[in-house]
Amino acid sequence: PQLFHHVGMIRGEYLLRELNQNIILASCQQFVKDYLDTICSFYLDKEVWYRFSELTNTEANCLAGTREFFDEGHPL
């Protein structure tokens, strides 16, 4: 693949939304691990930043595997 000069921060919430799964599921954990392994392998001598997730409660509540649901007036 054509590589970019830098990698921006990988935002974990996009990966969770892509799968529509909560990170507590083993399949979601494996997907995130494989994704990060692949990206990092392309940029071995570069820093790669990863932020776990920034989901609102509304977003998190609808992910498969969510065990506890929060109904809050403010979604963050």
N, C-alpha and C. Protein backbone atom coordinates (compact mmCIF):
# COMPACT_ATOMS: atom_id res chain seq x y z
N PRO A 1 0.83 -1.20 0.00
CA PRO A 1 0.00 0.00 0.00
C PRO A 1 0.86 1.25 0.00
N GLN A 2 0.30 2.32 -0.51
CA GLN A 2 1.01 3.60 -0.46
C GLN A 2 0.91 4.13 0.96
N LEU A 3 2.05 4.41 1.56
CA LEU A 3 2.06 4.87 2.94
C LEU A 3 2.07 6.38 3.01
N PHE A 4 1.46 6.90 4.04
CA PHE A 4 1.48 8.32 4.31
C PHE A 4 2.71 8.62 5.15
N HIS A 5 3.09 9.88 5.20
CA HIS A 5 4.26 10.27 5.98
C HIS A 5 4.02 10.07 7.48
N HIS A 6 2.81 10.35 7.92
CA HIS A 6 2.47 10.22 9.35
C HIS A 6 1.13 9.49 9.48
N VAL A 7 0.94 8.90 10.62
CA VAL A 7 -0.35 8.31 10.96
C VAL A 7 -0.99 9.24 11.97
N GLY A 8 -2.25 9.60 11.73
CA GLY A 8 -2.97 10.37 12.73
C GLY A 8 -3.38 9.44 13.87
N MET A 9 -4.06 9.96 14.82
CA MET A 9 -4.50 9.14 15.94
C MET A 9 -5.62 8.21 15.48
N ILE A 10 -5.48 6.94 15.79
CA ILE A 10 -6.52 5.97 15.49
C ILE A 10 -7.56 6.07 16.59
N ARG A 11 -8.79 6.31 16.21
CA ARG A 11 -9.88 6.49 17.18
C ARG A 11 -10.66 5.19 17.31
N GLY A 12 -10.57 4.59 18.47
CA GLY A 12 -11.17 3.30 18.72
C GLY A 12 -12.67 3.24 18.52
N GLU A 13 -13.36 4.35 18.74
CA GLU A 13 -14.82 4.31 18.60
C GLU A 13 -15.24 4.00 17.17
N TYR A 14 -14.43 4.39 16.20
CA TYR A 14 -14.78 4.06 14.81
C TYR A 14 -14.70 2.56 14.55
N LEU A 15 -13.74 1.91 15.18
CA LEU A 15 -13.62 0.46 15.03
C LEU A 15 -14.81 -0.25 15.67
N LEU A 16 -15.22 0.20 16.85
CA LEU A 16 -16.35 -0.41 17.54
C LEU A 16 -17.64 -0.20 16.75
N ARG A 17 -17.80 0.99 16.21
CA ARG A 17 -19.00 1.27 15.40
C ARG A 17 -19.01 0.41 14.13
N GLU A 18 -17.85 0.22 13.54
CA GLU A 18 -17.75 -0.60 12.32
C GLU A 18 -18.28 -2.01 12.56
N LEU A 19 -17.92 -2.58 13.71
CA LEU A 19 -18.37 -3.93 14.05
C LEU A 19 -19.75 -3.94 14.71
N ASN A 20 -20.14 -2.81 15.26
CA ASN A 20 -21.36 -2.72 16.06
C ASN A 20 -21.29 -3.67 17.25
N GLN A 21 -20.10 -3.73 17.87
CA GLN A 21 -19.88 -4.61 19.02
C GLN A 21 -19.20 -3.84 20.15
N ASN A 22 -19.49 -4.28 21.36
CA ASN A 22 -18.85 -3.74 22.55
C ASN A 22 -17.47 -4.38 22.68
N ILE A 23 -16.52 -3.64 23.22
CA ILE A 23 -15.15 -4.13 23.36
C ILE A 23 -15.05 -5.31 24.32
N ILE A 24 -16.07 -5.55 25.13
CA ILE A 24 -16.01 -6.70 26.04
C ILE A 24 -16.14 -8.03 25.30
N LEU A 25 -16.59 -8.01 24.05
CA LEU A 25 -16.70 -9.23 23.26
C LEU A 25 -15.33 -9.62 22.70
N ALA A 26 -15.00 -10.90 22.81
CA ALA A 26 -13.71 -11.40 22.32
C ALA A 26 -13.52 -11.12 20.83
N SER A 27 -14.58 -11.22 20.05
CA SER A 27 -14.47 -10.98 18.61
C SER A 27 -14.11 -9.53 18.31
N CYS A 28 -14.63 -8.61 19.10
CA CYS A 28 -14.31 -7.19 18.93
C CYS A 28 -12.86 -6.92 19.35
N GLN A 29 -12.45 -7.50 20.45
CA GLN A 29 -11.07 -7.35 20.91
C GLN A 29 -10.09 -7.86 19.86
N GLN A 30 -10.40 -8.99 19.25
CA GLN A 30 -9.53 -9.56 18.23
C GLN A 30 -9.47 -8.66 17.00
N PHE A 31 -10.61 -8.11 16.59
CA PHE A 31 -10.66 -7.20 15.45
C PHE A 31 -9.77 -5.98 15.70
N VAL A 32 -9.90 -5.38 16.87
CA VAL A 32 -9.10 -4.19 17.21
C VAL A 32 -7.62 -4.55 17.24
N LYS A 33 -7.28 -5.67 17.85
CA LYS A 33 -5.88 -6.11 17.91
C LYS A 33 -5.32 -6.31 16.51
N ASP A 34 -6.05 -7.02 15.66
CA ASP A 34 -5.59 -7.27 14.30
C ASP A 34 -5.43 -5.98 13.51
N TYR A 35 -6.38 -5.07 13.67
CA TYR A 35 -6.32 -3.78 12.98
C TYR A 35 -5.08 -3.00 13.40
N LEU A 36 -4.86 -2.91 14.72
CA LEU A 36 -3.70 -2.17 15.21
C LEU A 36 -2.39 -2.83 14.81
N ASP A 37 -2.34 -4.17 14.87
CA ASP A 37 -1.14 -4.89 14.42
C ASP A 37 -0.82 -4.57 12.97
N THR A 38 -1.84 -4.54 12.13
CA THR A 38 -1.64 -4.26 10.71
C THR A 38 -1.12 -2.85 10.49
N ILE A 39 -1.77 -1.86 11.09
CA ILE A 39 -1.34 -0.47 10.93
C ILE A 39 0.08 -0.29 11.46
N CYS A 40 0.35 -0.83 12.64
CA CYS A 40 1.69 -0.67 13.23
C CYS A 40 2.76 -1.35 12.40
N SER A 41 2.42 -2.44 11.73
CA SER A 41 3.41 -3.13 10.90
C SER A 41 3.82 -2.29 9.69
N PHE A 42 2.95 -1.42 9.24
CA PHE A 42 3.27 -0.53 8.12
C PHE A 42 4.18 0.62 8.55
N TYR A 43 4.15 0.96 9.83
CA TYR A 43 4.86 2.12 10.34
C TYR A 43 5.77 1.72 11.50
N LEU A 44 6.64 0.75 11.28
CA LEU A 44 7.47 0.21 12.35
C LEU A 44 8.36 1.26 13.02
N ASP A 45 8.84 2.23 12.29
CA ASP A 45 9.74 3.23 12.86
C ASP A 45 9.03 4.54 13.19
N LYS A 46 7.71 4.52 13.22
CA LYS A 46 6.92 5.73 13.50
C LYS A 46 6.05 5.51 14.74
N GLU A 47 5.68 6.62 15.37
CA GLU A 47 4.72 6.55 16.47
C GLU A 47 3.32 6.38 15.89
N VAL A 48 2.56 5.51 16.49
CA VAL A 48 1.15 5.34 16.13
C VAL A 48 0.35 5.55 17.41
N TRP A 49 -0.54 6.52 17.39
CA TRP A 49 -1.34 6.84 18.57
C TRP A 49 -2.72 6.22 18.43
N TYR A 50 -3.20 5.66 19.53
CA TYR A 50 -4.51 5.01 19.56
C TYR A 50 -5.27 5.52 20.78
N ARG A 51 -6.46 6.00 20.55
CA ARG A 51 -7.35 6.40 21.66
C ARG A 51 -8.44 5.36 21.73
N PHE A 52 -8.65 4.79 22.91
CA PHE A 52 -9.57 3.67 23.04
C PHE A 52 -10.94 3.97 22.44
N SER A 53 -11.73 4.81 23.06
CA SER A 53 -13.02 5.16 22.47
C SER A 53 -13.61 6.37 23.17
N GLU A 54 -14.43 7.04 22.43
CA GLU A 54 -15.18 8.18 22.96
C GLU A 54 -16.60 8.04 22.42
N LEU A 55 -17.32 7.14 23.03
CA LEU A 55 -18.70 6.89 22.62
C LEU A 55 -19.65 7.61 23.57
N THR A 56 -20.74 8.10 23.04
CA THR A 56 -21.79 8.61 23.92
C THR A 56 -22.52 7.41 24.52
N ASN A 57 -23.27 7.63 25.57
CA ASN A 57 -24.06 6.54 26.15
C ASN A 57 -25.04 5.96 25.14
N THR A 58 -25.62 6.83 24.34
CA THR A 58 -26.57 6.38 23.32
C THR A 58 -25.89 5.43 22.34
N GLU A 59 -24.67 5.76 21.93
CA GLU A 59 -23.93 4.89 21.01
C GLU A 59 -23.54 3.58 21.68
N ALA A 60 -23.04 3.66 22.89
CA ALA A 60 -22.58 2.47 23.59
C ALA A 60 -23.74 1.52 23.91
N ASN A 61 -24.90 2.08 24.24
CA ASN A 61 -26.04 1.24 24.60
C ASN A 61 -26.49 0.32 23.48
N CYS A 62 -26.28 0.70 22.24
CA CYS A 62 -26.80 -0.10 21.13
C CYS A 62 -25.78 -1.10 20.58
N LEU A 63 -24.57 -1.14 21.12
CA LEU A 63 -23.57 -2.09 20.63
C LEU A 63 -23.87 -3.50 21.13
N ALA A 64 -23.72 -4.47 20.26
CA ALA A 64 -23.92 -5.87 20.64
C ALA A 64 -22.94 -6.22 21.76
N GLY A 65 -23.42 -6.91 22.77
CA GLY A 65 -22.58 -7.34 23.87
C GLY A 65 -22.60 -6.41 25.07
N THR A 66 -23.26 -5.25 24.95
CA THR A 66 -23.34 -4.33 26.08
C THR A 66 -24.17 -4.98 27.18
N ARG A 67 -23.63 -5.00 28.40
CA ARG A 67 -24.30 -5.69 29.51
C ARG A 67 -25.12 -4.76 30.39
N GLU A 68 -24.75 -3.49 30.41
CA GLU A 68 -25.45 -2.54 31.27
C GLU A 68 -25.78 -1.32 30.43
N PHE A 69 -27.01 -0.88 30.52
CA PHE A 69 -27.47 0.24 29.70
C PHE A 69 -27.70 1.46 30.58
N PHE A 70 -27.30 2.61 30.08
CA PHE A 70 -27.46 3.85 30.81
C PHE A 70 -28.41 4.75 30.06
N ASP A 71 -29.41 5.26 30.77
CA ASP A 71 -30.35 6.20 30.19
C ASP A 71 -30.16 7.52 30.93
N GLU A 72 -29.32 8.36 30.38
CA GLU A 72 -29.00 9.61 31.03
C GLU A 72 -29.53 10.78 30.22
N GLY A 73 -29.88 11.84 30.89
CA GLY A 73 -30.36 13.03 30.22
C GLY A 73 -29.32 13.65 29.30
N HIS A 74 -28.08 13.57 29.72
CA HIS A 74 -26.97 14.07 28.91
C HIS A 74 -26.23 12.85 28.38
N PRO A 75 -26.14 12.69 27.05
CA PRO A 75 -25.63 11.44 26.48
C PRO A 75 -24.15 11.17 26.70
N LEU A 76 -23.37 12.14 27.14
CA LEU A 76 -21.94 11.92 27.34
C LEU A 76 -21.71 11.39 28.73
